[in-house]
Amino acid sequence: MTDNLWIGQPLWMYGLTAVVILLILILLIRGSKRRSARIRREQLDPRRITIQDIDHMEGAEFERYLYRLFSELGYDDTYKTKDSSDFGADLVFTDRLGVRNVLQAKRYQESNAISLDAVQEVYGSMRYYQAQRSIVLTSAARFTSACETLAAVNGVKLLNREDLIEVIEDFKSGHYEDAMDRIEAEAYTKLSPWTEYRDQTLRSPGRDRKAEKWLRNR
């Protein structure tokens, strides 16, 4: 009886039916993948989480993920700070040399650039947490020029998306020491452009000559 219903039907009916079945299969597969990704994110298991999972995380999820990752790497005294009053740091941990670190996590899309606010906040948190070293770690690919300059002058370590991926891969492959080497590598540093003008007339690019002219004309 059912077979008879299809006898004599126009060809477009067969094509439409095939398309509908294909769309249903695609939706089911996508739904299954999304459920799997959601479960991974909820568990935040660093052995299963990928950079693609991280790209779909909220900021608080990313912080909890890093908390678990750093704890399982073996860092002593690893703490996640409170969301509402972190004073500029999301994680506090002690590295292999016994140095206390503060870390700010920035869960941004790859195309975004991290501004100097991140450096200002994490550097400012060091005294509160009695830390000797500060880090900004992000899922974004780059930092702004101003951010890089301020970080270098203050010795703040910057870890971008490429660094994060390397840490994840080292952890998953059991190369914990390599992951910690990357995290603990010395920050790029440079002198402030104001340093050389400390005892002479300031010619720094940061000097506001318009304000000086305005003051002279008062």
C-alpha atoms as a PDB file:
ATOM      1  CA  MET A   1       0.000   0.000   0.000  1.00  0.00           C
ATOM      2  CA  THR A   2       2.767   2.402   1.006  1.00  0.00           C
ATOM      3  CA  ASP A   3       4.755   1.543  -2.108  1.00  0.00           C
ATOM      4  CA  ASN A   4       1.699   2.302  -4.218  1.00  0.00           C
ATOM      5  CA  LEU A   5       1.578   5.843  -2.812  1.00  0.00           C
ATOM      6  CA  TRP A   6       4.922   6.613  -4.465  1.00  0.00           C
ATOM      7  CA  ILE A   7       3.972   5.123  -7.811  1.00  0.00           C
ATOM      8  CA  GLY A   8       3.319   7.809 -10.347  1.00  0.00           C
ATOM      9  CA  GLN A   9       4.592  10.671  -8.158  1.00  0.00           C
ATOM     10  CA  PRO A  10       6.519  13.394 -10.030  1.00  0.00           C
ATOM     11  CA  LEU A  11      10.309  13.325  -9.790  1.00  0.00           C
ATOM     12  CA  TRP A  12      10.453  16.576  -7.821  1.00  0.00           C
ATOM     13  CA  MET A  13       8.656  14.849  -4.942  1.00  0.00           C
ATOM     14  CA  TYR A  14      11.480  12.328  -4.664  1.00  0.00           C
ATOM     15  CA  GLY A  15      14.033  15.139  -4.732  1.00  0.00           C
ATOM     16  CA  LEU A  16      12.185  17.159  -2.097  1.00  0.00           C
ATOM     17  CA  THR A  17      11.922  14.135   0.169  1.00  0.00           C
ATOM     18  CA  ALA A  18      15.644  13.470  -0.153  1.00  0.00           C
ATOM     19  CA  VAL A  19      16.448  17.108   0.687  1.00  0.00           C
ATOM     20  CA  VAL A  20      14.200  17.047   3.767  1.00  0.00           C
ATOM     21  CA  ILE A  21      15.817  13.819   5.008  1.00  0.00           C
ATOM     22  CA  LEU A  22      19.286  15.286   4.413  1.00  0.00           C
ATOM     23  CA  LEU A  23      18.417  18.466   6.343  1.00  0.00           C
ATOM     24  CA  ILE A  24      17.090  16.419   9.251  1.00  0.00           C
ATOM     25  CA  LEU A  25      20.306  14.398   9.354  1.00  0.00           C
ATOM     26  CA  ILE A  26      22.429  17.567   9.283  1.00  0.00           C
ATOM     27  CA  LEU A  27      20.433  19.092  12.145  1.00  0.00           C
ATOM     28  CA  LEU A  28      20.730  15.918  14.187  1.00  0.00           C
ATOM     29  CA  ILE A  29      24.496  15.776  13.662  1.00  0.00           C
ATOM     30  CA  ARG A  30      24.914  19.446  14.535  1.00  0.00           C
ATOM     31  CA  GLY A  31      22.749  19.014  17.620  1.00  0.00           C
ATOM     32  CA  SER A  32      24.833  16.068  18.730  1.00  0.00           C
ATOM     33  CA  LYS A  33      28.082  18.011  18.251  1.00  0.00           C
ATOM     34  CA  ARG A  34      26.709  20.968  20.165  1.00  0.00           C
ATOM     35  CA  ARG A  35      25.596  18.759  23.032  1.00  0.00           C
ATOM     36  CA  SER A  36      29.036  17.132  23.148  1.00  0.00           C
ATOM     37  CA  ALA A  37      30.748  20.528  23.121  1.00  0.00           C
ATOM     38  CA  ARG A  38      28.426  21.790  25.848  1.00  0.00           C
ATOM     39  CA  ILE A  39      29.179  18.774  28.016  1.00  0.00           C
ATOM     40  CA  ARG A  40      32.925  19.302  27.525  1.00  0.00           C
ATOM     41  CA  ARG A  41      32.590  22.955  28.489  1.00  0.00           C
ATOM     42  CA  GLU A  42      30.483  22.134  31.531  1.00  0.00           C
ATOM     43  CA  GLN A  43      33.062  19.634  32.747  1.00  0.00           C
ATOM     44  CA  LEU A  44      35.947  21.923  31.734  1.00  0.00           C
ATOM     45  CA  ASP A  45      38.221  18.904  31.508  1.00  0.00           C
ATOM     46  CA  PRO A  46      41.556  20.210  30.166  1.00  0.00           C
ATOM     47  CA  ARG A  47      42.240  16.801  28.619  1.00  0.00           C
ATOM     48  CA  ARG A  48      39.212  17.231  26.346  1.00  0.00           C
ATOM     49  CA  ILE A  49      38.830  20.983  25.889  1.00  0.00           C
ATOM     50  CA  THR A  50      40.010  22.410  22.556  1.00  0.00           C
ATOM     51  CA  ILE A  51      40.695  25.964  21.469  1.00  0.00           C
ATOM     52  CA  GLN A  52      37.401  25.805  19.567  1.00  0.00           C
ATOM     53  CA  ASP A  53      35.606  25.011  22.835  1.00  0.00           C
ATOM     54  CA  ILE A  54      37.323  27.976  24.438  1.00  0.00           C
ATOM     55  CA  ASP A  55      36.094  30.234  21.629  1.00  0.00           C
ATOM     56  CA  HIS A  56      32.520  29.476  22.765  1.00  0.00           C
ATOM     57  CA  MET A  57      33.153  29.993  26.477  1.00  0.00           C
ATOM     58  CA  GLU A  58      32.006  32.895  28.601  1.00  0.00           C
ATOM     59  CA  GLY A  59      34.694  34.742  30.518  1.00  0.00           C
ATOM     60  CA  ALA A  60      33.839  33.022  33.820  1.00  0.00           C
ATOM     61  CA  GLU A  61      34.017  29.595  32.145  1.00  0.00           C
ATOM     62  CA  PHE A  62      37.446  30.405  30.752  1.00  0.00           C
ATOM     63  CA  GLU A  63      38.679  31.389  34.199  1.00  0.00           C
ATOM     64  CA  ARG A  64      37.415  28.137  35.743  1.00  0.00           C
ATOM     65  CA  TYR A  65      38.984  26.160  32.898  1.00  0.00           C
ATOM     66  CA  LEU A  66      42.372  27.805  33.508  1.00  0.00           C
ATOM     67  CA  TYR A  67      41.971  27.190  37.245  1.00  0.00           C
ATOM     68  CA  ARG A  68      41.600  23.463  36.590  1.00  0.00           C
ATOM     69  CA  LEU A  69      44.359  23.434  33.950  1.00  0.00           C
ATOM     70  CA  PHE A  70      46.912  25.152  36.193  1.00  0.00           C
ATOM     71  CA  SER A  71      45.951  22.948  39.140  1.00  0.00           C
ATOM     72  CA  GLU A  72      46.438  19.789  37.068  1.00  0.00           C
ATOM     73  CA  LEU A  73      49.741  21.059  35.710  1.00  0.00           C
ATOM     74  CA  GLY A  74      50.899  20.806  39.315  1.00  0.00           C
ATOM     75  CA  TYR A  75      51.144  24.447  40.387  1.00  0.00           C
ATOM     76  CA  ASP A  76      51.057  24.850  44.154  1.00  0.00           C
ATOM     77  CA  ASP A  77      48.645  27.174  45.911  1.00  0.00           C
ATOM     78  CA  THR A  78      46.503  27.756  42.837  1.00  0.00           C
ATOM     79  CA  TYR A  79      43.451  29.857  43.622  1.00  0.00           C
ATOM     80  CA  LYS A  80      40.656  31.358  41.568  1.00  0.00           C
ATOM     81  CA  THR A  81      39.656  34.790  42.821  1.00  0.00           C
ATOM     82  CA  LYS A  82      36.057  35.871  43.399  1.00  0.00           C
ATOM     83  CA  ASP A  83      34.228  37.092  40.299  1.00  0.00           C
ATOM     84  CA  SER A  84      32.840  40.217  41.967  1.00  0.00           C
ATOM     85  CA  SER A  85      36.014  41.470  43.663  1.00  0.00           C
ATOM     86  CA  ASP A  86      39.121  40.076  42.015  1.00  0.00           C
ATOM     87  CA  PHE A  87      41.113  43.326  42.238  1.00  0.00           C
ATOM     88  CA  GLY A  88      42.465  42.725  38.726  1.00  0.00           C
ATOM     89  CA  ALA A  89      43.564  39.078  38.984  1.00  0.00           C
ATOM     90  CA  ASP A  90      41.589  35.965  38.051  1.00  0.00           C
ATOM     91  CA  LEU A  91      44.117  33.359  39.220  1.00  0.00           C
ATOM     92  CA  VAL A  92      46.829  33.326  41.849  1.00  0.00           C
ATOM     93  CA  PHE A  93      49.438  30.543  41.810  1.00  0.00           C
ATOM     94  CA  THR A  94      52.953  29.762  42.967  1.00  0.00           C
ATOM     95  CA  ASP A  95      55.404  28.690  40.264  1.00  0.00           C
ATOM     96  CA  ARG A  96      58.215  26.134  40.425  1.00  0.00           C
ATOM     97  CA  LEU A  97      60.649  28.690  41.857  1.00  0.00           C
ATOM     98  CA  GLY A  98      58.282  29.528  44.698  1.00  0.00           C
ATOM     99  CA  VAL A  99      57.289  32.856  43.146  1.00  0.00           C
ATOM    100  CA  ARG A 100      53.684  33.968  43.553  1.00  0.00           C
ATOM    101  CA  ASN A 101      52.039  34.935  40.265  1.00  0.00           C
ATOM    102  CA  VAL A 102      48.826  36.791  39.478  1.00  0.00           C
ATOM    103  CA  LEU A 103      47.110  36.116  36.167  1.00  0.00           C
ATOM    104  CA  GLN A 104      44.350  37.906  34.321  1.00  0.00           C
ATOM    105  CA  ALA A 105      42.409  35.801  31.794  1.00  0.00           C
ATOM    106  CA  LYS A 106      40.903  37.421  28.700  1.00  0.00           C
ATOM    107  CA  ARG A 107      38.489  35.234  26.731  1.00  0.00           C
ATOM    108  CA  TYR A 108      38.264  37.180  23.465  1.00  0.00           C
ATOM    109  CA  GLN A 109      37.719  36.153  19.876  1.00  0.00           C
ATOM    110  CA  GLU A 110      40.847  35.485  17.834  1.00  0.00           C
ATOM    111  CA  SER A 111      40.510  38.695  15.797  1.00  0.00           C
ATOM    112  CA  ASN A 112      40.307  40.976  18.843  1.00  0.00           C
ATOM    113  CA  ALA A 113      43.270  42.837  20.298  1.00  0.00           C
ATOM    114  CA  ILE A 114      43.803  43.111  24.045  1.00  0.00           C
ATOM    115  CA  SER A 115      44.135  46.695  25.263  1.00  0.00           C
ATOM    116  CA  LEU A 116      46.389  48.083  27.979  1.00  0.00           C
ATOM    117  CA  ASP A 117      43.570  47.909  30.571  1.00  0.00           C
ATOM    118  CA  ALA A 118      44.482  44.247  31.130  1.00  0.00           C
ATOM    119  CA  VAL A 119      48.078  45.152  31.984  1.00  0.00           C
ATOM    120  CA  GLN A 120      47.043  48.027  34.233  1.00  0.00           C
ATOM    121  CA  GLU A 121      44.647  45.820  36.188  1.00  0.00           C
ATOM    122  CA  VAL A 122      46.856  42.768  36.675  1.00  0.00           C
ATOM    123  CA  TYR A 123      49.924  44.859  37.526  1.00  0.00           C
ATOM    124  CA  GLY A 124      47.854  46.841  39.999  1.00  0.00           C
ATOM    125  CA  SER A 125      46.731  43.614  41.675  1.00  0.00           C
ATOM    126  CA  MET A 126      50.269  42.499  42.530  1.00  0.00           C
ATOM    127  CA  ARG A 127      50.540  44.444  45.775  1.00  0.00           C
ATOM    128  CA  TYR A 128      47.116  43.311  46.982  1.00  0.00           C
ATOM    129  CA  TYR A 129      47.980  39.622  46.425  1.00  0.00           C
ATOM    130  CA  GLN A 130      51.619  40.109  47.483  1.00  0.00           C
ATOM    131  CA  ALA A 131      52.753  38.682  44.137  1.00  0.00           C
ATOM    132  CA  GLN A 132      56.132  39.088  42.473  1.00  0.00           C
ATOM    133  CA  ARG A 133      55.047  38.368  38.903  1.00  0.00           C
ATOM    134  CA  SER A 134      52.030  39.142  36.702  1.00  0.00           C
ATOM    135  CA  ILE A 135      50.639  37.563  33.531  1.00  0.00           C
ATOM    136  CA  VAL A 136      47.929  38.323  30.982  1.00  0.00           C
ATOM    137  CA  LEU A 137      46.736  35.205  29.153  1.00  0.00           C
ATOM    138  CA  THR A 138      44.243  35.476  26.304  1.00  0.00           C
ATOM    139  CA  SER A 139      42.513  33.507  23.578  1.00  0.00           C
ATOM    140  CA  ALA A 140      42.944  36.525  21.273  1.00  0.00           C
ATOM    141  CA  ALA A 141      45.755  36.544  18.742  1.00  0.00           C
ATOM    142  CA  ARG A 142      47.336  39.866  19.584  1.00  0.00           C
ATOM    143  CA  PHE A 143      47.768  42.792  21.936  1.00  0.00           C
ATOM    144  CA  THR A 144      47.624  46.471  21.063  1.00  0.00           C
ATOM    145  CA  SER A 145      50.903  48.330  20.712  1.00  0.00           C
ATOM    146  CA  ALA A 146      50.145  50.372  23.841  1.00  0.00           C
ATOM    147  CA  CYS A 147      49.448  47.168  25.761  1.00  0.00           C
ATOM    148  CA  GLU A 148      52.752  45.621  24.681  1.00  0.00           C
ATOM    149  CA  THR A 149      54.678  48.776  25.598  1.00  0.00           C
ATOM    150  CA  LEU A 150      53.146  49.088  29.064  1.00  0.00           C
ATOM    151  CA  ALA A 151      53.670  45.369  29.700  1.00  0.00           C
ATOM    152  CA  ALA A 152      57.341  45.583  28.690  1.00  0.00           C
ATOM    153  CA  VAL A 153      58.010  48.606  30.879  1.00  0.00           C
ATOM    154  CA  ASN A 154      56.391  46.908  33.893  1.00  0.00           C
ATOM    155  CA  GLY A 155      57.629  43.363  33.250  1.00  0.00           C
ATOM    156  CA  VAL A 156      54.168  41.874  32.731  1.00  0.00           C
ATOM    157  CA  LYS A 157      54.214  38.555  30.842  1.00  0.00           C
ATOM    158  CA  LEU A 158      51.889  38.440  27.806  1.00  0.00           C
ATOM    159  CA  LEU A 159      50.612  35.071  26.569  1.00  0.00           C
ATOM    160  CA  ASN A 160      48.501  35.142  23.396  1.00  0.00           C
ATOM    161  CA  ARG A 161      46.405  32.588  21.521  1.00  0.00           C
ATOM    162  CA  GLU A 162      49.431  30.799  20.065  1.00  0.00           C
ATOM    163  CA  ASP A 163      50.932  30.440  23.543  1.00  0.00           C
ATOM    164  CA  LEU A 164      47.627  29.142  24.905  1.00  0.00           C
ATOM    165  CA  ILE A 165      47.386  26.519  22.161  1.00  0.00           C
ATOM    166  CA  GLU A 166      50.966  25.387  22.865  1.00  0.00           C
ATOM    167  CA  VAL A 167      50.240  25.084  26.586  1.00  0.00           C
ATOM    168  CA  ILE A 168      47.108  23.037  25.857  1.00  0.00           C
ATOM    169  CA  GLU A 169      48.962  20.721  23.457  1.00  0.00           C
ATOM    170  CA  ASP A 170      51.865  20.247  25.878  1.00  0.00           C
ATOM    171  CA  PHE A 171      49.440  19.403  28.675  1.00  0.00           C
ATOM    172  CA  LYS A 172      47.484  16.897  26.592  1.00  0.00           C
ATOM    173  CA  SER A 173      50.676  15.176  25.452  1.00  0.00           C
ATOM    174  CA  GLY A 174      51.934  14.930  29.032  1.00  0.00           C
ATOM    175  CA  HIS A 175      54.728  17.474  28.565  1.00  0.00           C
ATOM    176  CA  TYR A 176      53.856  19.405  31.714  1.00  0.00           C
ATOM    177  CA  GLU A 177      57.330  20.871  32.134  1.00  0.00           C
ATOM    178  CA  ASP A 178      57.227  22.341  28.630  1.00  0.00           C
ATOM    179  CA  ALA A 179      53.851  23.924  29.368  1.00  0.00           C
ATOM    180  CA  MET A 180      55.159  25.442  32.591  1.00  0.00           C
ATOM    181  CA  ASP A 181      58.330  26.626  30.843  1.00  0.00           C
ATOM    182  CA  ARG A 182      56.173  28.655  28.477  1.00  0.00           C
ATOM    183  CA  ILE A 183      54.057  30.071  31.297  1.00  0.00           C
ATOM    184  CA  GLU A 184      57.081  30.943  33.422  1.00  0.00           C
ATOM    185  CA  ALA A 185      59.293  32.320  30.632  1.00  0.00           C
ATOM    186  CA  GLU A 186      60.696  35.752  31.367  1.00  0.00           C
ATOM    187  CA  ALA A 187      58.606  38.678  30.200  1.00  0.00           C
ATOM    188  CA  TYR A 188      59.957  40.893  27.444  1.00  0.00           C
ATOM    189  CA  THR A 189      61.123  44.109  29.089  1.00  0.00           C
ATOM    190  CA  LYS A 190      62.357  47.494  28.001  1.00  0.00           C
ATOM    191  CA  LEU A 191      63.049  50.858  29.604  1.00  0.00           C
ATOM    192  CA  SER A 192      60.445  53.570  29.616  1.00  0.00           C
ATOM    193  CA  PRO A 193      61.157  56.311  27.035  1.00  0.00           C
ATOM    194  CA  TRP A 194      61.008  58.742  29.957  1.00  0.00           C
ATOM    195  CA  THR A 195      63.996  57.182  31.714  1.00  0.00           C
ATOM    196  CA  GLU A 196      66.746  58.889  29.728  1.00  0.00           C
ATOM    197  CA  TYR A 197      65.184  62.305  30.305  1.00  0.00           C
ATOM    198  CA  ARG A 198      65.056  62.021  34.088  1.00  0.00           C
ATOM    199  CA  ASP A 199      67.750  64.646  34.715  1.00  0.00           C
ATOM    200  CA  GLN A 200      67.326  66.850  31.676  1.00  0.00           C
ATOM    201  CA  THR A 201      64.705  68.718  29.698  1.00  0.00           C
ATOM    202  CA  LEU A 202      62.059  66.195  28.718  1.00  0.00           C
ATOM    203  CA  ARG A 203      61.770  65.511  25.002  1.00  0.00           C
ATOM    204  CA  SER A 204      59.663  62.385  25.347  1.00  0.00           C
ATOM    205  CA  PRO A 205      56.824  61.688  22.876  1.00  0.00           C
ATOM    206  CA  GLY A 206      54.560  61.597  25.939  1.00  0.00           C
ATOM    207  CA  ARG A 207      55.049  65.289  26.603  1.00  0.00           C
ATOM    208  CA  ASP A 208      51.893  67.349  25.979  1.00  0.00           C
ATOM    209  CA  ARG A 209      53.243  70.471  24.255  1.00  0.00           C
ATOM    210  CA  LYS A 210      49.777  71.899  23.645  1.00  0.00           C
ATOM    211  CA  ALA A 211      49.150  71.950  27.389  1.00  0.00           C
ATOM    212  CA  GLU A 212      52.518  73.625  27.979  1.00  0.00           C
ATOM    213  CA  LYS A 213      51.729  76.323  25.401  1.00  0.00           C
ATOM    214  CA  TRP A 214      48.328  76.855  26.970  1.00  0.00           C
ATOM    215  CA  LEU A 215      49.913  77.283  30.427  1.00  0.00           C
ATOM    216  CA  ARG A 216      52.476  79.797  29.154  1.00  0.00           C
ATOM    217  CA  ASN A 217      49.685  81.929  27.703  1.00  0.00           C
ATOM    218  CA  ARG A 218      47.747  82.156  30.975  1.00  0.00           C
END
